[in-house]
Amino acid sequence: MGQDVADRVQQIVAQQLGIPPAEVLASSSFADLGADSFAVVELMLAIEEAFDLPITDAEVEQLRTVGEAISLVVARQRQAR
């Protein structure tokens, strides 16, 4: 499940930011990918919709990397079970 989530999150980030998927690594910070705070909110809305999971504003404010977003989605999926 984790790798599927990682792949989907990375695809969403690449699509939303208009960059090649190969540039989106789990270790990539949103800032390094060119995302400002508004873009991060938009990214997380797209991820929320794609995975049908609620993500709070406070959680979004804490996210700095793609890997952190992946971990959050995986944690939410486990909670939903």
PDB file of N, CA and C in Angstrom:
ATOM      1  N   MET A   1       0.834  -1.204   0.000  1.00  0.00           N
ATOM      2  CA  MET A   1       0.000   0.000   0.000  1.00  0.00           C
ATOM      3  C   MET A   1       0.869   1.256   0.000  1.00  0.00           C
ATOM      4  N   GLY A   2       1.932   1.284   0.783  1.00  0.00           N
ATOM      5  CA  GLY A   2       2.755   2.475   0.913  1.00  0.00           C
ATOM      6  C   GLY A   2       3.338   2.972  -0.397  1.00  0.00           C
ATOM      7  N   GLN A   3       3.830   2.035  -1.229  1.00  0.00           N
ATOM      8  CA  GLN A   3       4.430   2.453  -2.499  1.00  0.00           C
ATOM      9  C   GLN A   3       3.372   2.980  -3.457  1.00  0.00           C
ATOM     10  N   ASP A   4       2.195   2.361  -3.450  1.00  0.00           N
ATOM     11  CA  ASP A   4       1.100   2.864  -4.287  1.00  0.00           C
ATOM     12  C   ASP A   4       0.737   4.287  -3.889  1.00  0.00           C
ATOM     13  N   VAL A   5       0.666   4.522  -2.575  1.00  0.00           N
ATOM     14  CA  VAL A   5       0.363   5.864  -2.067  1.00  0.00           C
ATOM     15  C   VAL A   5       1.463   6.828  -2.498  1.00  0.00           C
ATOM     16  N   ALA A   6       2.704   6.414  -2.326  1.00  0.00           N
ATOM     17  CA  ALA A   6       3.831   7.276  -2.691  1.00  0.00           C
ATOM     18  C   ALA A   6       3.771   7.644  -4.172  1.00  0.00           C
ATOM     19  N   ASP A   7       3.531   6.663  -5.018  1.00  0.00           N
ATOM     20  CA  ASP A   7       3.463   6.920  -6.455  1.00  0.00           C
ATOM     21  C   ASP A   7       2.341   7.903  -6.786  1.00  0.00           C
ATOM     22  N   ARG A   8       1.173   7.689  -6.181  1.00  0.00           N
ATOM     23  CA  ARG A   8       0.030   8.575  -6.459  1.00  0.00           C
ATOM     24  C   ARG A   8       0.279   9.986  -5.972  1.00  0.00           C
ATOM     25  N   VAL A   9       0.826  10.111  -4.757  1.00  0.00           N
ATOM     26  CA  VAL A   9       1.108  11.448  -4.224  1.00  0.00           C
ATOM     27  C   VAL A   9       2.132  12.148  -5.109  1.00  0.00           C
ATOM     28  N   GLN A  10       3.173  11.443  -5.500  1.00  0.00           N
ATOM     29  CA  GLN A  10       4.194  12.041  -6.355  1.00  0.00           C
ATOM     30  C   GLN A  10       3.613  12.470  -7.699  1.00  0.00           C
ATOM     31  N   GLN A  11       2.701  11.677  -8.258  1.00  0.00           N
ATOM     32  CA  GLN A  11       2.054  12.048  -9.516  1.00  0.00           C
ATOM     33  C   GLN A  11       1.194  13.301  -9.345  1.00  0.00           C
ATOM     34  N   ILE A  12       0.473  13.370  -8.244  1.00  0.00           N
ATOM     35  CA  ILE A  12      -0.378  14.539  -7.982  1.00  0.00           C
ATOM     36  C   ILE A  12       0.484  15.792  -7.833  1.00  0.00           C
ATOM     37  N   VAL A  13       1.568  15.683  -7.080  1.00  0.00           N
ATOM     38  CA  VAL A  13       2.461  16.826  -6.884  1.00  0.00           C
ATOM     39  C   VAL A  13       3.019  17.288  -8.231  1.00  0.00           C
ATOM     40  N   ALA A  14       3.487  16.355  -9.035  1.00  0.00           N
ATOM     41  CA  ALA A  14       4.053  16.705 -10.341  1.00  0.00           C
ATOM     42  C   ALA A  14       3.006  17.387 -11.216  1.00  0.00           C
ATOM     43  N   GLN A  15       1.815  16.827 -11.246  1.00  0.00           N
ATOM     44  CA  GLN A  15       0.751  17.388 -12.081  1.00  0.00           C
ATOM     45  C   GLN A  15       0.371  18.786 -11.601  1.00  0.00           C
ATOM     46  N   GLN A  16       0.181  18.943 -10.301  1.00  0.00           N
ATOM     47  CA  GLN A  16      -0.242  20.228  -9.759  1.00  0.00           C
ATOM     48  C   GLN A  16       0.806  21.320  -9.962  1.00  0.00           C
ATOM     49  N   LEU A  17       2.071  20.934  -9.873  1.00  0.00           N
ATOM     50  CA  LEU A  17       3.145  21.927 -10.004  1.00  0.00           C
ATOM     51  C   LEU A  17       3.672  22.040 -11.435  1.00  0.00           C
ATOM     52  N   GLY A  18       3.191  21.164 -12.320  1.00  0.00           N
ATOM     53  CA  GLY A  18       3.621  21.228 -13.714  1.00  0.00           C
ATOM     54  C   GLY A  18       5.080  20.882 -13.913  1.00  0.00           C
ATOM     55  N   ILE A  19       5.553  19.878 -13.163  1.00  0.00           N
ATOM     56  CA  ILE A  19       6.950  19.448 -13.277  1.00  0.00           C
ATOM     57  C   ILE A  19       6.983  17.956 -13.620  1.00  0.00           C
ATOM     58  N   PRO A  20       8.102  17.480 -14.161  1.00  0.00           N
ATOM     59  CA  PRO A  20       8.211  16.057 -14.481  1.00  0.00           C
ATOM     60  C   PRO A  20       8.137  15.202 -13.209  1.00  0.00           C
ATOM     61  N   PRO A  21       7.409  14.103 -13.255  1.00  0.00           N
ATOM     62  CA  PRO A  21       7.300  13.224 -12.081  1.00  0.00           C
ATOM     63  C   PRO A  21       8.654  12.767 -11.542  1.00  0.00           C
ATOM     64  N   ALA A  22       9.633  12.611 -12.411  1.00  0.00           N
ATOM     65  CA  ALA A  22      10.960  12.162 -11.977  1.00  0.00           C
ATOM     66  C   ALA A  22      11.632  13.152 -11.025  1.00  0.00           C
ATOM     67  N   GLU A  23      11.190  14.403 -11.048  1.00  0.00           N
ATOM     68  CA  GLU A  23      11.762  15.418 -10.154  1.00  0.00           C
ATOM     69  C   GLU A  23      11.159  15.386  -8.759  1.00  0.00           C
ATOM     70  N   VAL A  24      10.070  14.646  -8.592  1.00  0.00           N
ATOM     71  CA  VAL A  24       9.362  14.610  -7.309  1.00  0.00           C
ATOM     72  C   VAL A  24       9.805  13.385  -6.525  1.00  0.00           C
ATOM     73  N   LEU A  25      10.637  13.612  -5.532  1.00  0.00           N
ATOM     74  CA  LEU A  25      11.132  12.545  -4.667  1.00  0.00           C
ATOM     75  C   LEU A  25      10.498  12.696  -3.290  1.00  0.00           C
ATOM     76  N   ALA A  26      10.468  11.612  -2.537  1.00  0.00           N
ATOM     77  CA  ALA A  26       9.930  11.688  -1.176  1.00  0.00           C
ATOM     78  C   ALA A  26      10.725  12.696  -0.350  1.00  0.00           C
ATOM     79  N   SER A  27      11.990  12.819  -0.632  1.00  0.00           N
ATOM     80  CA  SER A  27      12.844  13.739   0.122  1.00  0.00           C
ATOM     81  C   SER A  27      12.723  15.196  -0.335  1.00  0.00           C
ATOM     82  N   SER A  28      12.010  15.432  -1.427  1.00  0.00           N
ATOM     83  CA  SER A  28      11.873  16.790  -1.965  1.00  0.00           C
ATOM     84  C   SER A  28      11.029  17.656  -1.044  1.00  0.00           C
ATOM     85  N   SER A  29      11.545  18.839  -0.753  1.00  0.00           N
ATOM     86  CA  SER A  29      10.713  19.782  -0.003  1.00  0.00           C
ATOM     87  C   SER A  29       9.800  20.484  -1.009  1.00  0.00           C
ATOM     88  N   PHE A  30       8.643  20.904  -0.521  1.00  0.00           N
ATOM     89  CA  PHE A  30       7.728  21.616  -1.405  1.00  0.00           C
ATOM     90  C   PHE A  30       8.367  22.911  -1.889  1.00  0.00           C
ATOM     91  N   ALA A  31       9.132  23.558  -1.034  1.00  0.00           N
ATOM     92  CA  ALA A  31       9.803  24.802  -1.414  1.00  0.00           C
ATOM     93  C   ALA A  31      10.796  24.548  -2.551  1.00  0.00           C
ATOM     94  N   ASP A  32      11.560  23.458  -2.455  1.00  0.00           N
ATOM     95  CA  ASP A  32      12.527  23.133  -3.507  1.00  0.00           C
ATOM     96  C   ASP A  32      11.844  22.836  -4.840  1.00  0.00           C
ATOM     97  N   LEU A  33      10.602  22.366  -4.769  1.00  0.00           N
ATOM     98  CA  LEU A  33       9.850  22.076  -5.991  1.00  0.00           C
ATOM     99  C   LEU A  33       9.147  23.317  -6.538  1.00  0.00           C
ATOM    100  N   GLY A  34       9.305  24.445  -5.838  1.00  0.00           N
ATOM    101  CA  GLY A  34       8.725  25.701  -6.311  1.00  0.00           C
ATOM    102  C   GLY A  34       7.345  25.998  -5.782  1.00  0.00           C
ATOM    103  N   ALA A  35       6.906  25.262  -4.754  1.00  0.00           N
ATOM    104  CA  ALA A  35       5.571  25.464  -4.197  1.00  0.00           C
ATOM    105  C   ALA A  35       5.613  26.443  -3.031  1.00  0.00           C
ATOM    106  N   ASP A  36       4.800  27.497  -3.134  1.00  0.00           N
ATOM    107  CA  ASP A  36       4.656  28.403  -1.996  1.00  0.00           C
ATOM    108  C   ASP A  36       3.559  27.843  -1.090  1.00  0.00           C
ATOM    109  N   SER A  37       3.234  28.540  -0.014  1.00  0.00           N
ATOM    110  CA  SER A  37       2.258  28.019   0.943  1.00  0.00           C
ATOM    111  C   SER A  37       0.886  27.824   0.303  1.00  0.00           C
ATOM    112  N   PHE A  38       0.503  28.708  -0.609  1.00  0.00           N
ATOM    113  CA  PHE A  38      -0.776  28.556  -1.296  1.00  0.00           C
ATOM    114  C   PHE A  38      -0.781  27.291  -2.146  1.00  0.00           C
ATOM    115  N   ALA A  39       0.313  27.050  -2.853  1.00  0.00           N
ATOM    116  CA  ALA A  39       0.409  25.859  -3.703  1.00  0.00           C
ATOM    117  C   ALA A  39       0.357  24.585  -2.868  1.00  0.00           C
ATOM    118  N   VAL A  40       0.954  24.613  -1.679  1.00  0.00           N
ATOM    119  CA  VAL A  40       0.915  23.440  -0.798  1.00  0.00           C
ATOM    120  C   VAL A  40      -0.522  23.153  -0.373  1.00  0.00           C
ATOM    121  N   VAL A  41      -1.283  24.198  -0.061  1.00  0.00           N
ATOM    122  CA  VAL A  41      -2.689  24.017   0.297  1.00  0.00           C
ATOM    123  C   VAL A  41      -3.441  23.399  -0.881  1.00  0.00           C
ATOM    124  N   GLU A  42      -3.207  23.907  -2.077  1.00  0.00           N
ATOM    125  CA  GLU A  42      -3.855  23.358  -3.270  1.00  0.00           C
ATOM    126  C   GLU A  42      -3.463  21.900  -3.494  1.00  0.00           C
ATOM    127  N   LEU A  43      -2.188  21.594  -3.284  1.00  0.00           N
ATOM    128  CA  LEU A  43      -1.716  20.219  -3.415  1.00  0.00           C
ATOM    129  C   LEU A  43      -2.449  19.298  -2.449  1.00  0.00           C
ATOM    130  N   MET A  44      -2.557  19.744  -1.200  1.00  0.00           N
ATOM    131  CA  MET A  44      -3.183  18.897  -0.199  1.00  0.00           C
ATOM    132  C   MET A  44      -4.678  18.736  -0.461  1.00  0.00           C
ATOM    133  N   LEU A  45      -5.316  19.754  -1.014  1.00  0.00           N
ATOM    134  CA  LEU A  45      -6.723  19.601  -1.403  1.00  0.00           C
ATOM    135  C   LEU A  45      -6.864  18.535  -2.488  1.00  0.00           C
ATOM    136  N   ALA A  46      -5.951  18.539  -3.443  1.00  0.00           N
ATOM    137  CA  ALA A  46      -5.976  17.538  -4.506  1.00  0.00           C
ATOM    138  C   ALA A  46      -5.712  16.142  -3.940  1.00  0.00           C
ATOM    139  N   ILE A  47      -4.802  16.043  -2.990  1.00  0.00           N
ATOM    140  CA  ILE A  47      -4.494  14.757  -2.358  1.00  0.00           C
ATOM    141  C   ILE A  47      -5.680  14.282  -1.522  1.00  0.00           C
ATOM    142  N   GLU A  48      -6.296  15.215  -0.779  1.00  0.00           N
ATOM    143  CA  GLU A  48      -7.504  14.880  -0.011  1.00  0.00           C
ATOM    144  C   GLU A  48      -8.574  14.279  -0.915  1.00  0.00           C
ATOM    145  N   GLU A  49      -8.792  14.926  -2.037  1.00  0.00           N
ATOM    146  CA  GLU A  49      -9.817  14.478  -2.982  1.00  0.00           C
ATOM    147  C   GLU A  49      -9.452  13.131  -3.602  1.00  0.00           C
ATOM    148  N   ALA A  50      -8.207  12.967  -3.980  1.00  0.00           N
ATOM    149  CA  ALA A  50      -7.768  11.728  -4.630  1.00  0.00           C
ATOM    150  C   ALA A  50      -7.899  10.518  -3.712  1.00  0.00           C
ATOM    151  N   PHE A  51      -7.618  10.724  -2.431  1.00  0.00           N
ATOM    152  CA  PHE A  51      -7.646   9.610  -1.485  1.00  0.00           C
ATOM    153  C   PHE A  51      -8.906   9.590  -0.625  1.00  0.00           C
ATOM    154  N   ASP A  52      -9.767  10.603  -0.798  1.00  0.00           N
ATOM    155  CA  ASP A  52     -10.997  10.713  -0.012  1.00  0.00           C
ATOM    156  C   ASP A  52     -10.701  10.651   1.486  1.00  0.00           C
ATOM    157  N   LEU A  53      -9.737  11.494   1.898  1.00  0.00           N
ATOM    158  CA  LEU A  53      -9.313  11.546   3.296  1.00  0.00           C
ATOM    159  C   LEU A  53      -9.306  12.992   3.777  1.00  0.00           C
ATOM    160  N   PRO A  54      -9.767  13.238   5.014  1.00  0.00           N
ATOM    161  CA  PRO A  54      -9.702  14.598   5.541  1.00  0.00           C
ATOM    162  C   PRO A  54      -8.289  14.931   6.035  1.00  0.00           C
ATOM    163  N   ILE A  55      -7.849  16.124   5.712  1.00  0.00           N
ATOM    164  CA  ILE A  55      -6.558  16.621   6.190  1.00  0.00           C
ATOM    165  C   ILE A  55      -6.816  18.021   6.736  1.00  0.00           C
ATOM    166  N   THR A  56      -6.430  18.243   7.980  1.00  0.00           N
ATOM    167  CA  THR A  56      -6.722  19.526   8.618  1.00  0.00           C
ATOM    168  C   THR A  56      -5.745  20.610   8.174  1.00  0.00           C
ATOM    169  N   ASP A  57      -6.163  21.853   8.353  1.00  0.00           N
ATOM    170  CA  ASP A  57      -5.287  22.984   8.033  1.00  0.00           C
ATOM    171  C   ASP A  57      -4.013  22.928   8.873  1.00  0.00           C
ATOM    172  N   ALA A  58      -4.149  22.547  10.127  1.00  0.00           N
ATOM    173  CA  ALA A  58      -2.977  22.460  11.009  1.00  0.00           C
ATOM    174  C   ALA A  58      -1.976  21.432  10.485  1.00  0.00           C
ATOM    175  N   GLU A  59      -2.479  20.321   9.968  1.00  0.00           N
ATOM    176  CA  GLU A  59      -1.590  19.301   9.404  1.00  0.00           C
ATOM    177  C   GLU A  59      -0.890  19.824   8.154  1.00  0.00           C
ATOM    178  N   VAL A  60      -1.621  20.523   7.323  1.00  0.00           N
ATOM    179  CA  VAL A  60      -1.040  21.085   6.102  1.00  0.00           C
ATOM    180  C   VAL A  60       0.093  22.044   6.447  1.00  0.00           C
ATOM    181  N   GLU A  61      -0.117  22.852   7.469  1.00  0.00           N
ATOM    182  CA  GLU A  61       0.910  23.827   7.874  1.00  0.00           C
ATOM    183  C   GLU A  61       2.197  23.158   8.327  1.00  0.00           C
ATOM    184  N   GLN A  62       2.122  21.918   8.803  1.00  0.00           N
ATOM    185  CA  GLN A  62       3.297  21.201   9.294  1.00  0.00           C
ATOM    186  C   GLN A  62       4.082  20.497   8.188  1.00  0.00           C
ATOM    187  N   LEU A  63       3.453  20.300   7.043  1.00  0.00           N
ATOM    188  CA  LEU A  63       4.094  19.541   5.962  1.00  0.00           C
ATOM    189  C   LEU A  63       5.175  20.352   5.267  1.00  0.00           C
ATOM    190  N   ARG A  64       6.339  19.741   5.148  1.00  0.00           N
ATOM    191  CA  ARG A  64       7.454  20.408   4.475  1.00  0.00           C
ATOM    192  C   ARG A  64       7.961  19.626   3.263  1.00  0.00           C
ATOM    193  N   THR A  65       7.737  18.291   3.278  1.00  0.00           N
ATOM    194  CA  THR A  65       8.272  17.465   2.190  1.00  0.00           C
ATOM    195  C   THR A  65       7.186  16.564   1.603  1.00  0.00           C
ATOM    196  N   VAL A  66       7.478  16.046   0.432  1.00  0.00           N
ATOM    197  CA  VAL A  66       6.581  15.093  -0.212  1.00  0.00           C
ATOM    198  C   VAL A  66       6.456  13.847   0.660  1.00  0.00           C
ATOM    199  N   GLY A  67       7.554  13.415   1.257  1.00  0.00           N
ATOM    200  CA  GLY A  67       7.539  12.241   2.130  1.00  0.00           C
ATOM    201  C   GLY A  67       6.620  12.421   3.325  1.00  0.00           C
ATOM    202  N   GLU A  68       6.590  13.624   3.888  1.00  0.00           N
ATOM    203  CA  GLU A  68       5.684  13.892   5.000  1.00  0.00           C
ATOM    204  C   GLU A  68       4.230  13.798   4.554  1.00  0.00           C
ATOM    205  N   ALA A  69       3.941  14.251   3.350  1.00  0.00           N
ATOM    206  CA  ALA A  69       2.576  14.146   2.810  1.00  0.00           C
ATOM    207  C   ALA A  69       2.212  12.677   2.601  1.00  0.00           C
ATOM    208  N   ILE A  70       3.145  11.898   2.090  1.00  0.00           N
ATOM    209  CA  ILE A  70       2.909  10.465   1.890  1.00  0.00           C
ATOM    210  C   ILE A  70       2.630   9.793   3.239  1.00  0.00           C
ATOM    211  N   SER A  71       3.438  10.083   4.225  1.00  0.00           N
ATOM    212  CA  SER A  71       3.266   9.497   5.557  1.00  0.00           C
ATOM    213  C   SER A  71       1.920   9.865   6.156  1.00  0.00           C
ATOM    214  N   LEU A  72       1.490  11.099   5.941  1.00  0.00           N
ATOM    215  CA  LEU A  72       0.196  11.538   6.455  1.00  0.00           C
ATOM    216  C   LEU A  72      -0.942  10.753   5.804  1.00  0.00           C
ATOM    217  N   VAL A  73      -0.870  10.568   4.489  1.00  0.00           N
ATOM    218  CA  VAL A  73      -1.912   9.815   3.794  1.00  0.00           C
ATOM    219  C   VAL A  73      -1.940   8.365   4.292  1.00  0.00           C
ATOM    220  N   VAL A  74      -0.783   7.745   4.424  1.00  0.00           N
ATOM    221  CA  VAL A  74      -0.717   6.362   4.905  1.00  0.00           C
ATOM    222  C   VAL A  74      -1.308   6.268   6.316  1.00  0.00           C
ATOM    223  N   ALA A  75      -0.979   7.211   7.191  1.00  0.00           N
ATOM    224  CA  ALA A  75      -1.506   7.216   8.551  1.00  0.00           C
ATOM    225  C   ALA A  75      -3.020   7.379   8.561  1.00  0.00           C
ATOM    226  N   ARG A  76      -3.504   8.279   7.721  1.00  0.00           N
ATOM    227  CA  ARG A  76      -4.968   8.500   7.620  1.00  0.00           C
ATOM    228  C   ARG A  76      -5.681   7.248   7.125  1.00  0.00           C
ATOM    229  N   GLN A  77      -5.084   6.569   6.153  1.00  0.00           N
ATOM    230  CA  GLN A  77      -5.697   5.343   5.636  1.00  0.00           C
ATOM    231  C   GLN A  77      -5.763   4.272   6.726  1.00  0.00           C
ATOM    232  N   ARG A  78      -4.738   4.188   7.544  1.00  0.00           N
ATOM    233  CA  ARG A  78      -4.740   3.214   8.642  1.00  0.00           C
ATOM    234  C   ARG A  78      -5.812   3.563   9.668  1.00  0.00           C
ATOM    235  N   GLN A  79      -5.980   4.856   9.949  1.00  0.00           N
ATOM    236  CA  GLN A  79      -7.005   5.290  10.902  1.00  0.00           C
ATOM    237  C   GLN A  79      -8.398   5.002  10.381  1.00  0.00           C
ATOM    238  N   ALA A  80      -8.573   5.058   9.073  1.00  0.00           N
ATOM    239  CA  ALA A  80      -9.885   4.876   8.472  1.00  0.00           C
ATOM    240  C   ALA A  80     -10.353   3.417   8.501  1.00  0.00           C
ATOM    241  N   ARG A  81      -9.447   2.521   8.752  1.00  0.00           N
ATOM    242  CA  ARG A  81      -9.806   1.090   8.757  1.00  0.00           C
ATOM    243  C   ARG A  81     -10.533   0.707  10.016  1.00  0.00           C
TER     244      ARG A  81
END
